[in-house]
Amino acid sequence: MVENLVERIRQKDQRAMSQLYQMYIRELSSVCYRYVPSESDAKDVLQESFVKIFTSMPTFDYRGEAALRMWMRKVVVNEALHFLKERSMLKSKLGVRVVDVDLERAADALPSDNEPSEAETLTPEELHQLIRELPDGCRTVVNLYVFEGYSHKQIAEMLNVTVSTSASQLYYAKQLLAKRIKQIKEETDNE
């Protein structure tokens, strides 16, 4: 079915475009909102993403639904990053929020896998909301590293920063999340 939609989209079939849009809008919206928390900006990025998806479909080499899904996610991520760079949000935040860290010392400061995490008491929705509240640079690195599975080297190349900047942003994000989770836990305990 999906392969048929791709073929029809290549022939500029509007109904096929609408069907593909309906099939993937929720998933791609979720990806987009992780990078661009403003609803109106995210809608703009999604619209640009779908325009790119539909116009690039003739050159897309269909190798199954999973490949299509991953390709569309990559288009959305790239459009979100382009949006952030274009607005200078990412570069200014990375410049302001970067924390130089001794990475070995940072690793020692994080809780080990054996220690219970306060984050485990949060729902996935609550955790995603906390991530959306992170500064742009931190949020972008967390999304690329944790959710998209990119390495710090790949992130550095994508964002035109150093590997240590990417790692620092992730470390800083973890610190901010841990602090916020602790605040939420204390507020809950005091109720």
C-alpha atoms as a PDB file:
ATOM      1  CA  MET A   1       0.000   0.000   0.000  1.00  0.00           C
ATOM      2  CA  VAL A   2       2.715   2.510   0.968  1.00  0.00           C
ATOM      3  CA  GLU A   3       4.739   1.692  -2.125  1.00  0.00           C
ATOM      4  CA  ASN A   4       1.630   2.400  -4.200  1.00  0.00           C
ATOM      5  CA  LEU A   5       1.254   5.783  -2.456  1.00  0.00           C
ATOM      6  CA  VAL A   6       4.881   6.638  -3.225  1.00  0.00           C
ATOM      7  CA  GLU A   7       4.348   5.818  -6.895  1.00  0.00           C
ATOM      8  CA  ARG A   8       1.193   7.926  -7.042  1.00  0.00           C
ATOM      9  CA  ILE A   9       2.953  10.835  -5.302  1.00  0.00           C
ATOM     10  CA  ARG A  10       5.701  10.635  -7.923  1.00  0.00           C
ATOM     11  CA  GLN A  11       2.913  11.203 -10.453  1.00  0.00           C
ATOM     12  CA  LYS A  12       1.759  14.238  -8.406  1.00  0.00           C
ATOM     13  CA  ASP A  13      -1.456  12.579  -7.192  1.00  0.00           C
ATOM     14  CA  GLN A  14      -2.895  14.967  -4.581  1.00  0.00           C
ATOM     15  CA  ARG A  15      -5.006  12.275  -2.914  1.00  0.00           C
ATOM     16  CA  ALA A  16      -1.936  10.088  -2.412  1.00  0.00           C
ATOM     17  CA  MET A  17      -0.124  13.046  -0.851  1.00  0.00           C
ATOM     18  CA  SER A  18      -3.044  13.589   1.492  1.00  0.00           C
ATOM     19  CA  GLN A  19      -3.111   9.913   2.463  1.00  0.00           C
ATOM     20  CA  LEU A  20       0.633   9.830   3.191  1.00  0.00           C
ATOM     21  CA  TYR A  21       0.279  13.038   5.183  1.00  0.00           C
ATOM     22  CA  GLN A  22      -2.536  11.535   7.280  1.00  0.00           C
ATOM     23  CA  MET A  23      -0.557   8.341   7.876  1.00  0.00           C
ATOM     24  CA  TYR A  24       2.549  10.081   9.226  1.00  0.00           C
ATOM     25  CA  ILE A  25       1.540  13.521  10.518  1.00  0.00           C
ATOM     26  CA  ARG A  26       1.353  12.448  14.176  1.00  0.00           C
ATOM     27  CA  GLU A  27       4.745  10.763  14.184  1.00  0.00           C
ATOM     28  CA  LEU A  28       6.456  13.561  12.264  1.00  0.00           C
ATOM     29  CA  SER A  29       4.769  16.214  14.410  1.00  0.00           C
ATOM     30  CA  SER A  30       6.172  14.523  17.488  1.00  0.00           C
ATOM     31  CA  VAL A  31       9.671  14.622  15.991  1.00  0.00           C
ATOM     32  CA  CYS A  32       9.273  18.263  15.024  1.00  0.00           C
ATOM     33  CA  TYR A  33       7.930  19.404  18.417  1.00  0.00           C
ATOM     34  CA  ARG A  34      10.975  17.913  20.127  1.00  0.00           C
ATOM     35  CA  TYR A  35      13.134  20.448  18.284  1.00  0.00           C
ATOM     36  CA  VAL A  36      10.760  23.384  17.808  1.00  0.00           C
ATOM     37  CA  PRO A  37       8.513  23.719  20.872  1.00  0.00           C
ATOM     38  CA  SER A  38       6.548  26.718  19.576  1.00  0.00           C
ATOM     39  CA  GLU A  39       3.363  25.360  17.997  1.00  0.00           C
ATOM     40  CA  SER A  40       3.165  27.940  15.208  1.00  0.00           C
ATOM     41  CA  ASP A  41       6.855  27.556  14.324  1.00  0.00           C
ATOM     42  CA  ALA A  42       6.571  23.760  14.419  1.00  0.00           C
ATOM     43  CA  LYS A  43       3.607  23.891  12.035  1.00  0.00           C
ATOM     44  CA  ASP A  44       5.683  25.996   9.626  1.00  0.00           C
ATOM     45  CA  VAL A  45       8.575  23.538   9.851  1.00  0.00           C
ATOM     46  CA  LEU A  46       6.226  20.601   9.271  1.00  0.00           C
ATOM     47  CA  GLN A  47       4.718  22.291   6.236  1.00  0.00           C
ATOM     48  CA  GLU A  48       8.184  22.903   4.780  1.00  0.00           C
ATOM     49  CA  SER A  49       9.106  19.309   5.569  1.00  0.00           C
ATOM     50  CA  PHE A  50       6.129  17.902   3.710  1.00  0.00           C
ATOM     51  CA  VAL A  51       6.812  20.170   0.743  1.00  0.00           C
ATOM     52  CA  LYS A  52      10.363  18.770   0.647  1.00  0.00           C
ATOM     53  CA  ILE A  53       9.116  15.205   1.072  1.00  0.00           C
ATOM     54  CA  PHE A  54       6.650  15.518  -1.786  1.00  0.00           C
ATOM     55  CA  THR A  55       9.018  17.350  -4.127  1.00  0.00           C
ATOM     56  CA  SER A  56      11.867  14.937  -3.389  1.00  0.00           C
ATOM     57  CA  MET A  57       9.762  11.795  -3.751  1.00  0.00           C
ATOM     58  CA  PRO A  58      10.749  11.254  -7.427  1.00  0.00           C
ATOM     59  CA  THR A  59      14.393  10.814  -6.389  1.00  0.00           C
ATOM     60  CA  PHE A  60      13.664   8.778  -3.249  1.00  0.00           C
ATOM     61  CA  ASP A  61      14.725   5.148  -3.625  1.00  0.00           C
ATOM     62  CA  TYR A  62      11.855   3.223  -2.032  1.00  0.00           C
ATOM     63  CA  ARG A  63      13.192   0.257  -0.045  1.00  0.00           C
ATOM     64  CA  GLY A  64      10.233  -0.415   2.171  1.00  0.00           C
ATOM     65  CA  GLU A  65       8.074   1.449   4.631  1.00  0.00           C
ATOM     66  CA  ALA A  66      10.775   1.551   7.329  1.00  0.00           C
ATOM     67  CA  ALA A  67      13.199   3.283   4.959  1.00  0.00           C
ATOM     68  CA  LEU A  68      10.513   5.779   3.943  1.00  0.00           C
ATOM     69  CA  ARG A  69       9.681   6.476   7.580  1.00  0.00           C
ATOM     70  CA  MET A  70      13.345   7.051   8.488  1.00  0.00           C
ATOM     71  CA  TRP A  71      13.882   9.283   5.441  1.00  0.00           C
ATOM     72  CA  MET A  72      10.844  11.415   6.314  1.00  0.00           C
ATOM     73  CA  ARG A  73      12.027  11.722   9.934  1.00  0.00           C
ATOM     74  CA  LYS A  74      15.418  12.859   8.662  1.00  0.00           C
ATOM     75  CA  VAL A  75      13.773  15.488   6.447  1.00  0.00           C
ATOM     76  CA  VAL A  76      11.841  16.823   9.466  1.00  0.00           C
ATOM     77  CA  VAL A  77      14.954  16.876  11.673  1.00  0.00           C
ATOM     78  CA  ASN A  78      16.948  18.680   8.983  1.00  0.00           C
ATOM     79  CA  GLU A  79      14.185  21.231   8.458  1.00  0.00           C
ATOM     80  CA  ALA A  80      13.927  21.827  12.215  1.00  0.00           C
ATOM     81  CA  LEU A  81      17.691  22.330  12.456  1.00  0.00           C
ATOM     82  CA  HIS A  82      17.603  24.644   9.459  1.00  0.00           C
ATOM     83  CA  PHE A  83      14.839  26.642  11.120  1.00  0.00           C
ATOM     84  CA  LEU A  84      16.800  26.935  14.365  1.00  0.00           C
ATOM     85  CA  LYS A  85      19.983  27.960  12.570  1.00  0.00           C
ATOM     86  CA  GLU A  86      18.135  30.420  10.359  1.00  0.00           C
ATOM     87  CA  ARG A  87      16.676  32.171  13.360  1.00  0.00           C
ATOM     88  CA  SER A  88      20.114  32.178  15.007  1.00  0.00           C
ATOM     89  CA  MET A  89      18.514  30.573  18.043  1.00  0.00           C
ATOM     90  CA  LEU A  90      20.790  27.570  18.072  1.00  0.00           C
ATOM     91  CA  LYS A  91      24.120  29.336  17.561  1.00  0.00           C
ATOM     92  CA  SER A  92      23.428  32.035  20.127  1.00  0.00           C
ATOM     93  CA  LYS A  93      22.267  29.492  22.700  1.00  0.00           C
ATOM     94  CA  LEU A  94      25.238  27.225  22.078  1.00  0.00           C
ATOM     95  CA  GLY A  95      27.569  30.180  22.491  1.00  0.00           C
ATOM     96  CA  VAL A  96      25.934  31.307  25.709  1.00  0.00           C
ATOM     97  CA  ARG A  97      25.095  27.988  27.302  1.00  0.00           C
ATOM     98  CA  VAL A  98      28.210  25.953  26.616  1.00  0.00           C
ATOM     99  CA  VAL A  99      29.833  24.618  29.733  1.00  0.00           C
ATOM    100  CA  ASP A 100      33.409  23.369  29.530  1.00  0.00           C
ATOM    101  CA  VAL A 101      33.523  20.037  31.240  1.00  0.00           C
ATOM    102  CA  ASP A 102      36.096  17.420  31.955  1.00  0.00           C
ATOM    103  CA  LEU A 103      34.157  14.564  30.344  1.00  0.00           C
ATOM    104  CA  GLU A 104      35.598  11.872  32.615  1.00  0.00           C
ATOM    105  CA  ARG A 105      34.721  13.919  35.671  1.00  0.00           C
ATOM    106  CA  ALA A 106      31.255  14.568  34.227  1.00  0.00           C
ATOM    107  CA  ALA A 107      30.657  10.858  33.745  1.00  0.00           C
ATOM    108  CA  ASP A 108      31.596  10.256  37.384  1.00  0.00           C
ATOM    109  CA  ALA A 109      29.101  12.915  38.480  1.00  0.00           C
ATOM    110  CA  LEU A 110      26.163  11.246  36.768  1.00  0.00           C
ATOM    111  CA  PRO A 111      24.200   8.568  38.590  1.00  0.00           C
ATOM    112  CA  SER A 112      25.184   5.033  37.725  1.00  0.00           C
ATOM    113  CA  ASP A 113      22.761   2.617  36.122  1.00  0.00           C
ATOM    114  CA  ASN A 114      22.515   0.792  39.455  1.00  0.00           C
ATOM    115  CA  GLU A 115      21.155   3.835  41.291  1.00  0.00           C
ATOM    116  CA  PRO A 116      17.410   4.478  41.061  1.00  0.00           C
ATOM    117  CA  SER A 117      16.613   7.565  39.033  1.00  0.00           C
ATOM    118  CA  GLU A 118      14.068  10.180  40.094  1.00  0.00           C
ATOM    119  CA  ALA A 119      13.223  10.487  36.393  1.00  0.00           C
ATOM    120  CA  GLU A 120      11.629   7.046  36.583  1.00  0.00           C
ATOM    121  CA  THR A 121       8.748   8.592  38.543  1.00  0.00           C
ATOM    122  CA  LEU A 122       7.816  10.841  35.600  1.00  0.00           C
ATOM    123  CA  THR A 123       5.507   9.874  32.779  1.00  0.00           C
ATOM    124  CA  PRO A 124       6.971   9.963  29.250  1.00  0.00           C
ATOM    125  CA  GLU A 125       4.818  13.039  28.566  1.00  0.00           C
ATOM    126  CA  GLU A 126       6.225  14.853  31.604  1.00  0.00           C
ATOM    127  CA  LEU A 127       9.783  13.999  30.615  1.00  0.00           C
ATOM    128  CA  HIS A 128       9.200  15.194  27.034  1.00  0.00           C
ATOM    129  CA  GLN A 129       7.763  18.443  28.396  1.00  0.00           C
ATOM    130  CA  LEU A 130      10.887  18.980  30.499  1.00  0.00           C
ATOM    131  CA  ILE A 131      13.047  18.366  27.428  1.00  0.00           C
ATOM    132  CA  ARG A 132      10.992  20.913  25.455  1.00  0.00           C
ATOM    133  CA  GLU A 133      11.757  23.465  28.181  1.00  0.00           C
ATOM    134  CA  LEU A 134      15.534  23.082  27.774  1.00  0.00           C
ATOM    135  CA  PRO A 135      17.523  25.845  26.068  1.00  0.00           C
ATOM    136  CA  ASP A 136      17.615  25.357  22.296  1.00  0.00           C
ATOM    137  CA  GLY A 137      21.184  24.051  22.099  1.00  0.00           C
ATOM    138  CA  CYS A 138      20.696  21.512  24.873  1.00  0.00           C
ATOM    139  CA  ARG A 139      17.320  20.392  23.565  1.00  0.00           C
ATOM    140  CA  THR A 140      18.708  19.935  20.051  1.00  0.00           C
ATOM    141  CA  VAL A 141      21.668  17.839  21.192  1.00  0.00           C
ATOM    142  CA  VAL A 142      19.476  15.709  23.484  1.00  0.00           C
ATOM    143  CA  ASN A 143      17.089  15.011  20.616  1.00  0.00           C
ATOM    144  CA  LEU A 144      19.839  14.183  18.130  1.00  0.00           C
ATOM    145  CA  TYR A 145      21.804  12.046  20.584  1.00  0.00           C
ATOM    146  CA  VAL A 146      19.059  10.283  22.547  1.00  0.00           C
ATOM    147  CA  PHE A 147      16.126  10.060  20.155  1.00  0.00           C
ATOM    148  CA  GLU A 148      17.784  10.045  16.731  1.00  0.00           C
ATOM    149  CA  GLY A 149      20.856   8.032  17.785  1.00  0.00           C
ATOM    150  CA  TYR A 150      23.544  10.298  16.324  1.00  0.00           C
ATOM    151  CA  SER A 151      27.052  10.278  17.787  1.00  0.00           C
ATOM    152  CA  HIS A 152      28.664  13.455  19.128  1.00  0.00           C
ATOM    153  CA  LYS A 153      30.894  13.497  16.050  1.00  0.00           C
ATOM    154  CA  GLN A 154      27.854  13.387  13.747  1.00  0.00           C
ATOM    155  CA  ILE A 155      26.062  16.042  15.799  1.00  0.00           C
ATOM    156  CA  ALA A 156      29.125  18.273  15.683  1.00  0.00           C
ATOM    157  CA  GLU A 157      29.196  18.010  11.896  1.00  0.00           C
ATOM    158  CA  MET A 158      25.455  18.675  11.587  1.00  0.00           C
ATOM    159  CA  LEU A 159      25.516  21.716  13.867  1.00  0.00           C
ATOM    160  CA  ASN A 160      28.944  22.983  12.833  1.00  0.00           C
ATOM    161  CA  VAL A 161      30.270  22.830  16.402  1.00  0.00           C
ATOM    162  CA  THR A 162      33.033  20.837  18.060  1.00  0.00           C
ATOM    163  CA  VAL A 163      32.556  17.350  19.457  1.00  0.00           C
ATOM    164  CA  SER A 164      33.252  18.681  22.951  1.00  0.00           C
ATOM    165  CA  THR A 165      30.536  21.334  22.500  1.00  0.00           C
ATOM    166  CA  SER A 166      28.031  18.611  21.650  1.00  0.00           C
ATOM    167  CA  ALA A 167      29.109  16.559  24.659  1.00  0.00           C
ATOM    168  CA  SER A 168      28.999  19.651  26.889  1.00  0.00           C
ATOM    169  CA  GLN A 169      25.490  20.473  25.747  1.00  0.00           C
ATOM    170  CA  LEU A 170      24.349  16.944  26.579  1.00  0.00           C
ATOM    171  CA  TYR A 171      26.009  17.129  29.987  1.00  0.00           C
ATOM    172  CA  TYR A 172      24.464  20.535  30.668  1.00  0.00           C
ATOM    173  CA  ALA A 173      21.045  19.238  29.570  1.00  0.00           C
ATOM    174  CA  LYS A 174      21.325  16.301  31.973  1.00  0.00           C
ATOM    175  CA  GLN A 175      22.203  18.672  34.797  1.00  0.00           C
ATOM    176  CA  LEU A 176      19.251  20.956  34.021  1.00  0.00           C
ATOM    177  CA  LEU A 177      16.877  17.989  33.772  1.00  0.00           C
ATOM    178  CA  ALA A 178      18.137  16.493  37.028  1.00  0.00           C
ATOM    179  CA  LYS A 179      17.680  19.841  38.801  1.00  0.00           C
ATOM    180  CA  ARG A 180      14.169  20.287  37.430  1.00  0.00           C
ATOM    181  CA  ILE A 181      13.171  16.698  38.270  1.00  0.00           C
ATOM    182  CA  LYS A 182      14.434  17.210  41.817  1.00  0.00           C
ATOM    183  CA  GLN A 183      12.347  20.402  42.088  1.00  0.00           C
ATOM    184  CA  ILE A 184       9.248  18.568  40.875  1.00  0.00           C
ATOM    185  CA  LYS A 185       9.850  15.743  43.348  1.00  0.00           C
ATOM    186  CA  GLU A 186      10.258  18.214  46.231  1.00  0.00           C
ATOM    187  CA  GLU A 187       7.056  20.038  45.215  1.00  0.00           C
ATOM    188  CA  THR A 188       5.207  16.713  45.077  1.00  0.00           C
ATOM    189  CA  ASP A 189       6.583  15.623  48.473  1.00  0.00           C
ATOM    190  CA  ASN A 190       5.481  18.934  50.041  1.00  0.00           C
ATOM    191  CA  GLU A 191       1.874  18.580  48.889  1.00  0.00           C
END
